Amino acid sequence: MALPPAAVGYQRSDIAGSRLQWNEAQMRSLAQQMGYDYRKTLVFGPEVADKAHRVRVAVSRTRSVAVFVPSIEHLEGGIPGEIIEVADVVTVAPENTYARTPEQPEPSKGSAE
């Protein structure tokens, strides 16, 4: 039997405020409903630099294929390319899935015309 695909959760502490535990429960629940093995939740505050890079490293280390977030607001209003290149992004509210889009190689320069 194949193992379910892995996923991580991510939220910003300054945005979540007192809802940190609630958000984590919602992300875990949705991940389970969607058939994922929810591995861990990452929580960063505004003082943390390179948040998208840190999420990408966690995705790689846990071999995750999806990142769950409470809302797009936790990603500073948009899906970072650094994350969407390696994993689907799933928002809890509203419930949306943004499919991963692997980085495309640039066309070679100087090709025959």
N, C-alpha and C. Protein backbone atom coordinates (compact mmCIF):
# COMPACT_ATOMS: atom_id res chain seq x y z
N MET A 1 0.84 -1.19 0.00
CA MET A 1 0.00 0.00 0.00
C MET A 1 0.88 1.24 0.00
N ALA A 2 0.57 2.16 -0.86
CA ALA A 2 1.35 3.40 -0.98
C ALA A 2 1.09 4.32 0.21
N LEU A 3 2.13 5.01 0.61
CA LEU A 3 1.99 5.99 1.69
C LEU A 3 1.31 7.24 1.17
N PRO A 4 0.53 7.92 2.02
CA PRO A 4 -0.10 9.17 1.56
C PRO A 4 0.96 10.24 1.34
N PRO A 5 0.70 11.19 0.45
CA PRO A 5 1.66 12.27 0.22
C PRO A 5 1.80 13.13 1.47
N ALA A 6 2.99 13.64 1.68
CA ALA A 6 3.27 14.46 2.86
C ALA A 6 2.92 15.92 2.62
N ALA A 7 2.61 16.62 3.72
CA ALA A 7 2.30 18.06 3.66
C ALA A 7 2.79 18.72 4.94
N VAL A 8 3.05 20.02 4.84
CA VAL A 8 3.36 20.84 6.00
C VAL A 8 2.37 21.99 6.05
N GLY A 9 2.26 22.61 7.21
CA GLY A 9 1.44 23.79 7.37
C GLY A 9 2.33 24.98 7.68
N TYR A 10 1.85 26.16 7.37
CA TYR A 10 2.61 27.38 7.65
C TYR A 10 1.65 28.49 8.02
N GLN A 11 2.04 29.24 9.07
CA GLN A 11 1.26 30.43 9.42
C GLN A 11 2.16 31.46 10.05
N ARG A 12 1.72 32.71 9.95
CA ARG A 12 2.43 33.83 10.56
C ARG A 12 1.83 34.10 11.93
N SER A 13 2.68 34.16 12.94
CA SER A 13 2.21 34.38 14.31
C SER A 13 1.55 35.74 14.48
N ASP A 14 2.06 36.75 13.79
CA ASP A 14 1.49 38.09 13.94
C ASP A 14 0.12 38.21 13.28
N ILE A 15 -0.15 37.41 12.28
CA ILE A 15 -1.46 37.41 11.62
C ILE A 15 -2.43 36.51 12.38
N ALA A 16 -1.95 35.37 12.82
CA ALA A 16 -2.81 34.40 13.51
C ALA A 16 -3.23 34.89 14.90
N GLY A 17 -2.33 35.54 15.59
CA GLY A 17 -2.63 36.00 16.95
C GLY A 17 -3.04 34.84 17.84
N SER A 18 -4.18 34.96 18.48
CA SER A 18 -4.65 33.92 19.41
C SER A 18 -5.24 32.71 18.69
N ARG A 19 -5.27 32.75 17.36
CA ARG A 19 -5.85 31.64 16.58
C ARG A 19 -4.81 30.61 16.12
N LEU A 20 -3.59 30.66 16.64
CA LEU A 20 -2.54 29.73 16.21
C LEU A 20 -2.99 28.27 16.29
N GLN A 21 -3.47 27.85 17.45
CA GLN A 21 -3.88 26.46 17.62
C GLN A 21 -5.10 26.12 16.76
N TRP A 22 -6.04 27.03 16.68
CA TRP A 22 -7.23 26.81 15.84
C TRP A 22 -6.82 26.65 14.38
N ASN A 23 -5.96 27.54 13.91
CA ASN A 23 -5.49 27.46 12.53
C ASN A 23 -4.81 26.13 12.26
N GLU A 24 -3.96 25.70 13.19
CA GLU A 24 -3.26 24.43 13.00
C GLU A 24 -4.26 23.28 12.93
N ALA A 25 -5.25 23.29 13.79
CA ALA A 25 -6.27 22.23 13.77
C ALA A 25 -7.02 22.23 12.43
N GLN A 26 -7.33 23.41 11.91
CA GLN A 26 -8.03 23.51 10.63
C GLN A 26 -7.17 23.00 9.47
N MET A 27 -5.88 23.35 9.50
CA MET A 27 -4.97 22.89 8.45
C MET A 27 -4.80 21.37 8.50
N ARG A 28 -4.62 20.85 9.71
CA ARG A 28 -4.47 19.39 9.87
C ARG A 28 -5.73 18.66 9.40
N SER A 29 -6.87 19.18 9.77
CA SER A 29 -8.14 18.55 9.40
C SER A 29 -8.33 18.53 7.89
N LEU A 30 -8.10 19.65 7.24
CA LEU A 30 -8.26 19.72 5.79
C LEU A 30 -7.25 18.80 5.10
N ALA A 31 -6.03 18.80 5.58
CA ALA A 31 -5.00 17.92 4.99
C ALA A 31 -5.44 16.46 5.10
N GLN A 32 -5.95 16.08 6.25
CA GLN A 32 -6.41 14.70 6.43
C GLN A 32 -7.58 14.39 5.49
N GLN A 33 -8.53 15.31 5.38
CA GLN A 33 -9.66 15.10 4.47
C GLN A 33 -9.20 14.93 3.02
N MET A 34 -8.11 15.61 2.67
CA MET A 34 -7.61 15.55 1.30
C MET A 34 -6.62 14.40 1.09
N GLY A 35 -6.38 13.61 2.14
CA GLY A 35 -5.54 12.43 2.00
C GLY A 35 -4.05 12.65 2.20
N TYR A 36 -3.67 13.73 2.87
CA TYR A 36 -2.26 14.01 3.12
C TYR A 36 -1.82 13.52 4.50
N ASP A 37 -0.54 13.24 4.61
CA ASP A 37 0.12 12.96 5.89
C ASP A 37 0.70 14.28 6.36
N TYR A 38 0.01 14.95 7.27
CA TYR A 38 0.42 16.28 7.75
C TYR A 38 1.59 16.10 8.71
N ARG A 39 2.76 16.62 8.33
CA ARG A 39 3.99 16.37 9.07
C ARG A 39 4.26 17.37 10.19
N LYS A 40 4.08 18.66 9.92
CA LYS A 40 4.42 19.67 10.91
C LYS A 40 3.84 21.02 10.52
N THR A 41 3.81 21.93 11.50
CA THR A 41 3.38 23.30 11.25
C THR A 41 4.55 24.23 11.51
N LEU A 42 4.82 25.09 10.56
CA LEU A 42 5.84 26.12 10.70
C LEU A 42 5.15 27.41 11.11
N VAL A 43 5.71 28.09 12.11
CA VAL A 43 5.16 29.37 12.56
C VAL A 43 6.30 30.38 12.61
N PHE A 44 6.17 31.45 11.83
CA PHE A 44 7.18 32.50 11.81
C PHE A 44 6.53 33.84 12.11
N GLY A 45 7.29 34.70 12.76
CA GLY A 45 6.84 36.05 13.03
C GLY A 45 7.39 37.00 11.99
N PRO A 46 7.02 38.28 12.09
CA PRO A 46 7.45 39.26 11.09
C PRO A 46 8.96 39.49 11.10
N GLU A 47 9.62 39.16 12.20
CA GLU A 47 11.06 39.40 12.30
C GLU A 47 11.89 38.36 11.55
N VAL A 48 11.28 37.28 11.13
CA VAL A 48 12.01 36.21 10.43
C VAL A 48 12.19 36.58 8.97
N ALA A 49 13.43 36.55 8.54
CA ALA A 49 13.76 36.85 7.14
C ALA A 49 13.63 35.58 6.30
N ASP A 50 13.44 35.75 5.03
CA ASP A 50 13.41 34.63 4.07
C ASP A 50 12.41 33.54 4.44
N LYS A 51 11.20 33.95 4.79
CA LYS A 51 10.17 32.98 5.18
C LYS A 51 9.90 31.95 4.08
N ALA A 52 9.76 32.41 2.85
CA ALA A 52 9.47 31.49 1.74
C ALA A 52 10.59 30.47 1.59
N HIS A 53 11.83 30.91 1.74
CA HIS A 53 12.96 29.99 1.63
C HIS A 53 12.90 28.94 2.74
N ARG A 54 12.57 29.37 3.95
CA ARG A 54 12.48 28.44 5.08
C ARG A 54 11.37 27.42 4.87
N VAL A 55 10.25 27.87 4.31
CA VAL A 55 9.16 26.93 4.02
C VAL A 55 9.62 25.94 2.96
N ARG A 56 10.30 26.44 1.95
CA ARG A 56 10.80 25.55 0.88
C ARG A 56 11.76 24.51 1.44
N VAL A 57 12.64 24.90 2.35
CA VAL A 57 13.57 23.95 2.98
C VAL A 57 12.78 22.88 3.76
N ALA A 58 11.75 23.30 4.49
CA ALA A 58 10.93 22.33 5.23
C ALA A 58 10.22 21.37 4.29
N VAL A 59 9.73 21.88 3.17
CA VAL A 59 9.09 21.03 2.16
C VAL A 59 10.07 19.97 1.69
N SER A 60 11.27 20.40 1.41
CA SER A 60 12.30 19.48 0.93
C SER A 60 12.66 18.44 2.00
N ARG A 61 12.89 18.90 3.22
CA ARG A 61 13.31 17.99 4.30
C ARG A 61 12.24 16.98 4.67
N THR A 62 10.98 17.37 4.57
CA THR A 62 9.89 16.45 4.92
C THR A 62 9.35 15.71 3.71
N ARG A 63 9.92 16.02 2.54
CA ARG A 63 9.47 15.42 1.27
C ARG A 63 7.98 15.67 1.04
N SER A 64 7.57 16.87 1.38
CA SER A 64 6.16 17.25 1.24
C SER A 64 5.85 17.68 -0.19
N VAL A 65 4.59 17.51 -0.55
CA VAL A 65 4.13 17.93 -1.87
C VAL A 65 3.08 19.03 -1.77
N ALA A 66 2.75 19.43 -0.54
CA ALA A 66 1.75 20.49 -0.36
C ALA A 66 2.08 21.30 0.89
N VAL A 67 1.71 22.58 0.84
CA VAL A 67 1.83 23.49 1.98
C VAL A 67 0.44 24.04 2.27
N PHE A 68 -0.03 23.84 3.49
CA PHE A 68 -1.34 24.34 3.91
C PHE A 68 -1.15 25.63 4.68
N VAL A 69 -1.99 26.62 4.38
CA VAL A 69 -1.97 27.90 5.09
C VAL A 69 -3.41 28.27 5.45
N PRO A 70 -3.59 29.01 6.57
CA PRO A 70 -4.96 29.41 6.94
C PRO A 70 -5.62 30.27 5.87
N SER A 71 -4.84 31.19 5.29
CA SER A 71 -5.34 32.07 4.23
C SER A 71 -4.15 32.61 3.45
N ILE A 72 -4.42 33.20 2.32
CA ILE A 72 -3.37 33.77 1.49
C ILE A 72 -2.64 34.89 2.21
N GLU A 73 -3.31 35.52 3.16
CA GLU A 73 -2.70 36.61 3.93
C GLU A 73 -1.41 36.16 4.63
N HIS A 74 -1.34 34.90 5.02
CA HIS A 74 -0.16 34.38 5.71
C HIS A 74 1.04 34.29 4.77
N LEU A 75 0.79 34.36 3.47
CA LEU A 75 1.86 34.35 2.47
C LEU A 75 2.12 35.75 1.95
N GLU A 76 1.75 36.74 2.76
CA GLU A 76 1.94 38.14 2.43
C GLU A 76 1.20 38.54 1.16
N GLY A 77 0.01 37.92 0.98
CA GLY A 77 -0.89 38.32 -0.09
C GLY A 77 -0.70 37.65 -1.43
N GLY A 78 0.29 36.80 -1.56
CA GLY A 78 0.52 36.13 -2.84
C GLY A 78 1.29 34.83 -2.65
N ILE A 79 1.26 33.99 -3.65
CA ILE A 79 1.96 32.71 -3.56
C ILE A 79 3.41 32.91 -4.00
N PRO A 80 4.36 32.73 -3.08
CA PRO A 80 5.77 32.90 -3.46
C PRO A 80 6.20 31.85 -4.49
N GLY A 81 6.87 32.31 -5.54
CA GLY A 81 7.35 31.40 -6.57
C GLY A 81 8.25 30.32 -6.01
N GLU A 82 9.02 30.67 -5.00
CA GLU A 82 9.94 29.72 -4.39
C GLU A 82 9.21 28.52 -3.78
N ILE A 83 7.96 28.72 -3.35
CA ILE A 83 7.18 27.61 -2.78
C ILE A 83 6.40 26.88 -3.87
N ILE A 84 5.73 27.62 -4.72
CA ILE A 84 4.85 27.00 -5.73
C ILE A 84 5.65 26.19 -6.76
N GLU A 85 6.95 26.42 -6.85
CA GLU A 85 7.78 25.61 -7.74
C GLU A 85 7.94 24.18 -7.24
N VAL A 86 7.79 23.98 -5.93
CA VAL A 86 8.06 22.66 -5.36
C VAL A 86 6.85 22.00 -4.70
N ALA A 87 5.78 22.74 -4.46
CA ALA A 87 4.64 22.17 -3.75
C ALA A 87 3.35 22.89 -4.12
N ASP A 88 2.24 22.17 -4.03
CA ASP A 88 0.93 22.80 -4.13
C ASP A 88 0.74 23.65 -2.88
N VAL A 89 -0.03 24.71 -2.99
CA VAL A 89 -0.37 25.54 -1.83
C VAL A 89 -1.87 25.45 -1.65
N VAL A 90 -2.31 25.11 -0.44
CA VAL A 90 -3.73 24.94 -0.14
C VAL A 90 -4.11 25.93 0.95
N THR A 91 -5.10 26.78 0.67
CA THR A 91 -5.60 27.70 1.68
C THR A 91 -6.86 27.10 2.31
N VAL A 92 -7.00 27.32 3.62
CA VAL A 92 -8.15 26.80 4.34
C VAL A 92 -9.37 27.69 4.12
N ALA A 93 -9.17 29.03 4.21
CA ALA A 93 -10.29 29.96 4.07
C ALA A 93 -9.89 31.13 3.18
N PRO A 94 -10.46 31.24 2.03
CA PRO A 94 -11.36 30.27 1.42
C PRO A 94 -10.56 29.05 0.95
N GLU A 95 -11.24 27.92 0.87
CA GLU A 95 -10.56 26.69 0.48
C GLU A 95 -10.22 26.72 -1.01
N ASN A 96 -8.93 26.80 -1.29
CA ASN A 96 -8.41 26.82 -2.66
C ASN A 96 -7.14 26.02 -2.73
N THR A 97 -6.87 25.45 -3.89
CA THR A 97 -5.60 24.77 -4.14
C THR A 97 -4.93 25.44 -5.32
N TYR A 98 -3.70 25.83 -5.10
CA TYR A 98 -2.87 26.42 -6.15
C TYR A 98 -1.84 25.37 -6.54
N ALA A 99 -1.95 24.86 -7.74
CA ALA A 99 -1.10 23.76 -8.18
C ALA A 99 0.33 24.21 -8.40
N ARG A 100 1.22 23.32 -8.04
CA ARG A 100 2.65 23.63 -8.22
C ARG A 100 2.95 23.84 -9.70
N THR A 101 3.85 24.75 -9.93
CA THR A 101 4.28 25.06 -11.30
C THR A 101 5.80 25.03 -11.31
N PRO A 102 6.38 23.87 -11.65
CA PRO A 102 7.84 23.76 -11.63
C PRO A 102 8.48 24.82 -12.51
N GLU A 103 9.64 25.26 -12.06
CA GLU A 103 10.38 26.27 -12.82
C GLU A 103 10.70 25.72 -14.19
N GLN A 104 10.44 26.52 -15.20
CA GLN A 104 10.71 26.11 -16.57
C GLN A 104 12.11 26.56 -16.97
N PRO A 105 12.85 25.70 -17.65
CA PRO A 105 14.18 26.14 -18.10
C PRO A 105 14.05 27.26 -19.13
N GLU A 106 14.96 28.19 -19.08
CA GLU A 106 14.93 29.28 -20.04
C GLU A 106 15.36 28.75 -21.41
N PRO A 107 14.76 29.29 -22.48
CA PRO A 107 15.18 28.86 -23.81
C PRO A 107 16.64 29.20 -24.03
N SER A 108 17.33 28.33 -24.73
CA SER A 108 18.75 28.59 -24.98
C SER A 108 18.89 29.80 -25.89
N LYS A 109 19.87 30.59 -25.60
CA LYS A 109 20.12 31.79 -26.40
C LYS A 109 20.98 31.41 -27.60
N GLY A 110 20.77 32.09 -28.67
CA GLY A 110 21.56 31.85 -29.86
C GLY A 110 21.09 30.65 -30.66
N SER A 111 19.84 30.25 -30.44
CA SER A 111 19.32 29.11 -31.20
C SER A 111 19.10 29.53 -32.65
N ALA A 112 19.09 28.55 -33.51
CA ALA A 112 18.90 28.82 -34.94
C ALA A 112 17.54 29.43 -35.19
N GLU A 113 17.48 30.38 -36.07
CA GLU A 113 16.21 31.04 -36.39
C GLU A 113 15.62 30.50 -37.64
